[in-house]
C-alpha cells in the first residue's frame, strides 16, 4: 500500500467525500496491501456513491473470495451482474459473469 497514494486520496475525499473514483482508489490500495476487510468497506462506499460502478462489485467479490467468504462473493457478483446489465456495460458483464462461473 502506498502511503502517498492513501494520503492523496484522503485529501481528495476531504474535498468531495462521496467521490466514487477516490473511494474505489482507496479500496484498491487496501486490497493491494492485503487488508481485505478495509478494502471491502471501501468497495461498499464506492457502490454507495455510484451503484453502477461495476468494477467495485467485481473487485469486492475478489476480496471476499480471498477472505474465504465465498457466499458473500457470489452474492456480490450477482448484484454486480444485474447492475452491469442495467447500465449496459458489456465488458463488465463479461468479466463479472466469468468470475461468477468460476465460483459456482
C-alpha atoms as a PDB file:
ATOM      1  CA  UNK A   1       0.000   0.000   0.000  1.00  0.00           C
ATOM      2  CA  UNK A   2       1.393   3.343  -0.974  1.00  0.00           C
ATOM      3  CA  UNK A   3       1.051   5.742   1.929  1.00  0.00           C
ATOM      4  CA  UNK A   4       1.461   8.628  -0.504  1.00  0.00           C
ATOM      5  CA  UNK A   5      -1.490   7.449  -2.568  1.00  0.00           C
ATOM      6  CA  UNK A   6      -3.614   6.968   0.524  1.00  0.00           C
ATOM      7  CA  UNK A   7      -2.797  10.492   1.695  1.00  0.00           C
ATOM      8  CA  UNK A   8      -3.573  11.946  -1.735  1.00  0.00           C
ATOM      9  CA  UNK A   9      -6.890  10.075  -1.922  1.00  0.00           C
ATOM     10  CA  UNK A  10      -7.780  11.199   1.609  1.00  0.00           C
ATOM     11  CA  UNK A  11      -7.153  14.826   0.639  1.00  0.00           C
ATOM     12  CA  UNK A  12      -9.320  14.412  -2.429  1.00  0.00           C
ATOM     13  CA  UNK A  13     -12.046  12.815  -0.320  1.00  0.00           C
ATOM     14  CA  UNK A  14     -11.954  15.744   2.093  1.00  0.00           C
ATOM     15  CA  UNK A  15     -12.914  17.949  -0.844  1.00  0.00           C
ATOM     16  CA  UNK A  16     -15.535  15.546  -2.181  1.00  0.00           C
ATOM     17  CA  UNK A  17     -16.359  12.810   0.369  1.00  0.00           C
ATOM     18  CA  UNK A  18     -18.666  10.885  -1.966  1.00  0.00           C
ATOM     19  CA  UNK A  19     -16.338  10.742  -4.995  1.00  0.00           C
ATOM     20  CA  UNK A  20     -16.734   7.163  -6.250  1.00  0.00           C
ATOM     21  CA  UNK A  21     -13.401   7.192  -8.099  1.00  0.00           C
ATOM     22  CA  UNK A  22     -11.494   8.167  -4.951  1.00  0.00           C
ATOM     23  CA  UNK A  23     -13.384   5.650  -2.846  1.00  0.00           C
ATOM     24  CA  UNK A  24     -12.567   2.967  -5.415  1.00  0.00           C
ATOM     25  CA  UNK A  25      -8.919   4.024  -5.299  1.00  0.00           C
ATOM     26  CA  UNK A  26      -8.880   3.647  -1.519  1.00  0.00           C
ATOM     27  CA  UNK A  27     -10.386   0.183  -1.839  1.00  0.00           C
ATOM     28  CA  UNK A  28      -7.744  -0.829  -4.374  1.00  0.00           C
ATOM     29  CA  UNK A  29      -4.907   0.425  -2.168  1.00  0.00           C
ATOM     30  CA  UNK A  30      -6.175  -1.590   0.795  1.00  0.00           C
ATOM     31  CA  UNK A  31      -6.736  -4.619  -1.432  1.00  0.00           C
ATOM     32  CA  UNK A  32      -3.139  -4.422  -2.704  1.00  0.00           C
ATOM     33  CA  UNK A  33      -1.953  -4.318   0.901  1.00  0.00           C
ATOM     34  CA  UNK A  34      -3.972  -7.424   1.754  1.00  0.00           C
ATOM     35  CA  UNK A  35      -6.234  -5.531   4.144  1.00  0.00           C
ATOM     36  CA  UNK A  36      -9.317  -7.288   2.838  1.00  0.00           C
ATOM     37  CA  UNK A  37     -11.875  -6.114   5.397  1.00  0.00           C
ATOM     38  CA  UNK A  38     -11.000  -2.459   4.880  1.00  0.00           C
ATOM     39  CA  UNK A  39     -10.951  -2.951   1.109  1.00  0.00           C
ATOM     40  CA  UNK A  40     -14.465  -4.421   1.225  1.00  0.00           C
ATOM     41  CA  UNK A  41     -15.661  -1.441   3.272  1.00  0.00           C
ATOM     42  CA  UNK A  42     -14.257   0.974   0.674  1.00  0.00           C
ATOM     43  CA  UNK A  43     -15.803  -1.016  -2.181  1.00  0.00           C
ATOM     44  CA  UNK A  44     -19.126  -0.724  -0.337  1.00  0.00           C
ATOM     45  CA  UNK A  45     -18.601   3.036  -0.050  1.00  0.00           C
ATOM     46  CA  UNK A  46     -17.859   3.163  -3.782  1.00  0.00           C
ATOM     47  CA  UNK A  47     -21.106   1.360  -4.571  1.00  0.00           C
ATOM     48  CA  UNK A  48     -22.942   3.654  -2.160  1.00  0.00           C
ATOM     49  CA  UNK A  49     -21.677   6.636  -4.195  1.00  0.00           C
ATOM     50  CA  UNK A  50     -22.304   5.063  -7.598  1.00  0.00           C
ATOM     51  CA  UNK A  51     -24.483   1.960  -7.761  1.00  0.00           C
ATOM     52  CA  UNK A  52     -23.329   1.349 -11.340  1.00  0.00           C
ATOM     53  CA  UNK A  53     -19.582   1.371 -10.611  1.00  0.00           C
ATOM     54  CA  UNK A  54     -19.452  -2.200 -11.881  1.00  0.00           C
ATOM     55  CA  UNK A  55     -15.829  -2.984 -11.160  1.00  0.00           C
ATOM     56  CA  UNK A  56     -16.380  -2.239  -7.491  1.00  0.00           C
ATOM     57  CA  UNK A  57     -18.605  -5.323  -7.391  1.00  0.00           C
ATOM     58  CA  UNK A  58     -16.025  -7.404  -9.229  1.00  0.00           C
ATOM     59  CA  UNK A  59     -13.107  -6.424  -7.001  1.00  0.00           C
ATOM     60  CA  UNK A  60     -15.201  -6.549  -3.843  1.00  0.00           C
ATOM     61  CA  UNK A  61     -16.033 -10.147  -4.771  1.00  0.00           C
ATOM     62  CA  UNK A  62     -12.306 -10.857  -5.281  1.00  0.00           C
ATOM     63  CA  UNK A  63     -11.574  -9.518  -1.814  1.00  0.00           C
ATOM     64  CA  UNK A  64     -14.410 -11.547  -0.320  1.00  0.00           C
ATOM     65  CA  UNK A  65     -13.174 -14.686  -2.069  1.00  0.00           C
ATOM     66  CA  UNK A  66      -9.654 -14.103  -0.732  1.00  0.00           C
ATOM     67  CA  UNK A  67     -11.137 -13.671   2.748  1.00  0.00           C
ATOM     68  CA  UNK A  68     -12.845 -17.055   2.432  1.00  0.00           C
ATOM     69  CA  UNK A  69     -16.325 -15.533   2.185  1.00  0.00           C
ATOM     70  CA  UNK A  70     -17.414 -17.407  -0.928  1.00  0.00           C
ATOM     71  CA  UNK A  71     -21.182 -16.977  -0.468  1.00  0.00           C
ATOM     72  CA  UNK A  72     -20.779 -13.226   0.002  1.00  0.00           C
ATOM     73  CA  UNK A  73     -18.570 -13.069  -3.091  1.00  0.00           C
ATOM     74  CA  UNK A  74     -21.173 -14.899  -5.171  1.00  0.00           C
ATOM     75  CA  UNK A  75     -23.970 -12.623  -3.934  1.00  0.00           C
ATOM     76  CA  UNK A  76     -21.869  -9.541  -4.711  1.00  0.00           C
ATOM     77  CA  UNK A  77     -21.237 -10.814  -8.243  1.00  0.00           C
ATOM     78  CA  UNK A  78     -24.923 -11.498  -8.803  1.00  0.00           C
ATOM     79  CA  UNK A  79     -25.811  -7.977  -7.754  1.00  0.00           C
ATOM     80  CA  UNK A  80     -22.973  -6.555  -9.841  1.00  0.00           C
ATOM     81  CA  UNK A  81     -24.070  -8.549 -12.870  1.00  0.00           C
ATOM     82  CA  UNK A  82     -27.545  -7.093 -12.547  1.00  0.00           C
ATOM     83  CA  UNK A  83     -26.151  -3.555 -12.324  1.00  0.00           C
ATOM     84  CA  UNK A  84     -23.835  -4.147 -15.302  1.00  0.00           C
ATOM     85  CA  UNK A  85     -26.786  -5.360 -17.352  1.00  0.00           C
ATOM     86  CA  UNK A  86     -28.915  -2.403 -16.260  1.00  0.00           C
ATOM     87  CA  UNK A  87     -26.183   0.060 -17.227  1.00  0.00           C
ATOM     88  CA  UNK A  88     -25.341  -1.750 -20.474  1.00  0.00           C
ATOM     89  CA  UNK A  89     -21.669  -2.287 -19.604  1.00  0.00           C
ATOM     90  CA  UNK A  90     -20.850  -5.241 -21.867  1.00  0.00           C
ATOM     91  CA  UNK A  91     -17.247  -5.565 -20.698  1.00  0.00           C
ATOM     92  CA  UNK A  92     -18.256  -5.633 -17.028  1.00  0.00           C
ATOM     93  CA  UNK A  93     -20.997  -8.154 -17.816  1.00  0.00           C
ATOM     94  CA  UNK A  94     -18.424 -10.447 -19.390  1.00  0.00           C
ATOM     95  CA  UNK A  95     -15.877 -10.087 -16.568  1.00  0.00           C
ATOM     96  CA  UNK A  96     -18.397 -10.481 -13.758  1.00  0.00           C
ATOM     97  CA  UNK A  97     -20.141 -13.395 -15.461  1.00  0.00           C
ATOM     98  CA  UNK A  98     -16.821 -15.186 -15.990  1.00  0.00           C
ATOM     99  CA  UNK A  99     -15.830 -14.763 -12.345  1.00  0.00           C
ATOM    100  CA  UNK A 100     -19.279 -15.888 -11.194  1.00  0.00           C
ATOM    101  CA  UNK A 101     -18.940 -19.009 -13.323  1.00  0.00           C
ATOM    102  CA  UNK A 102     -15.596 -19.754 -11.646  1.00  0.00           C
ATOM    103  CA  UNK A 103     -17.126 -19.552  -8.189  1.00  0.00           C
ATOM    104  CA  UNK A 104     -20.324 -21.500  -8.819  1.00  0.00           C
END
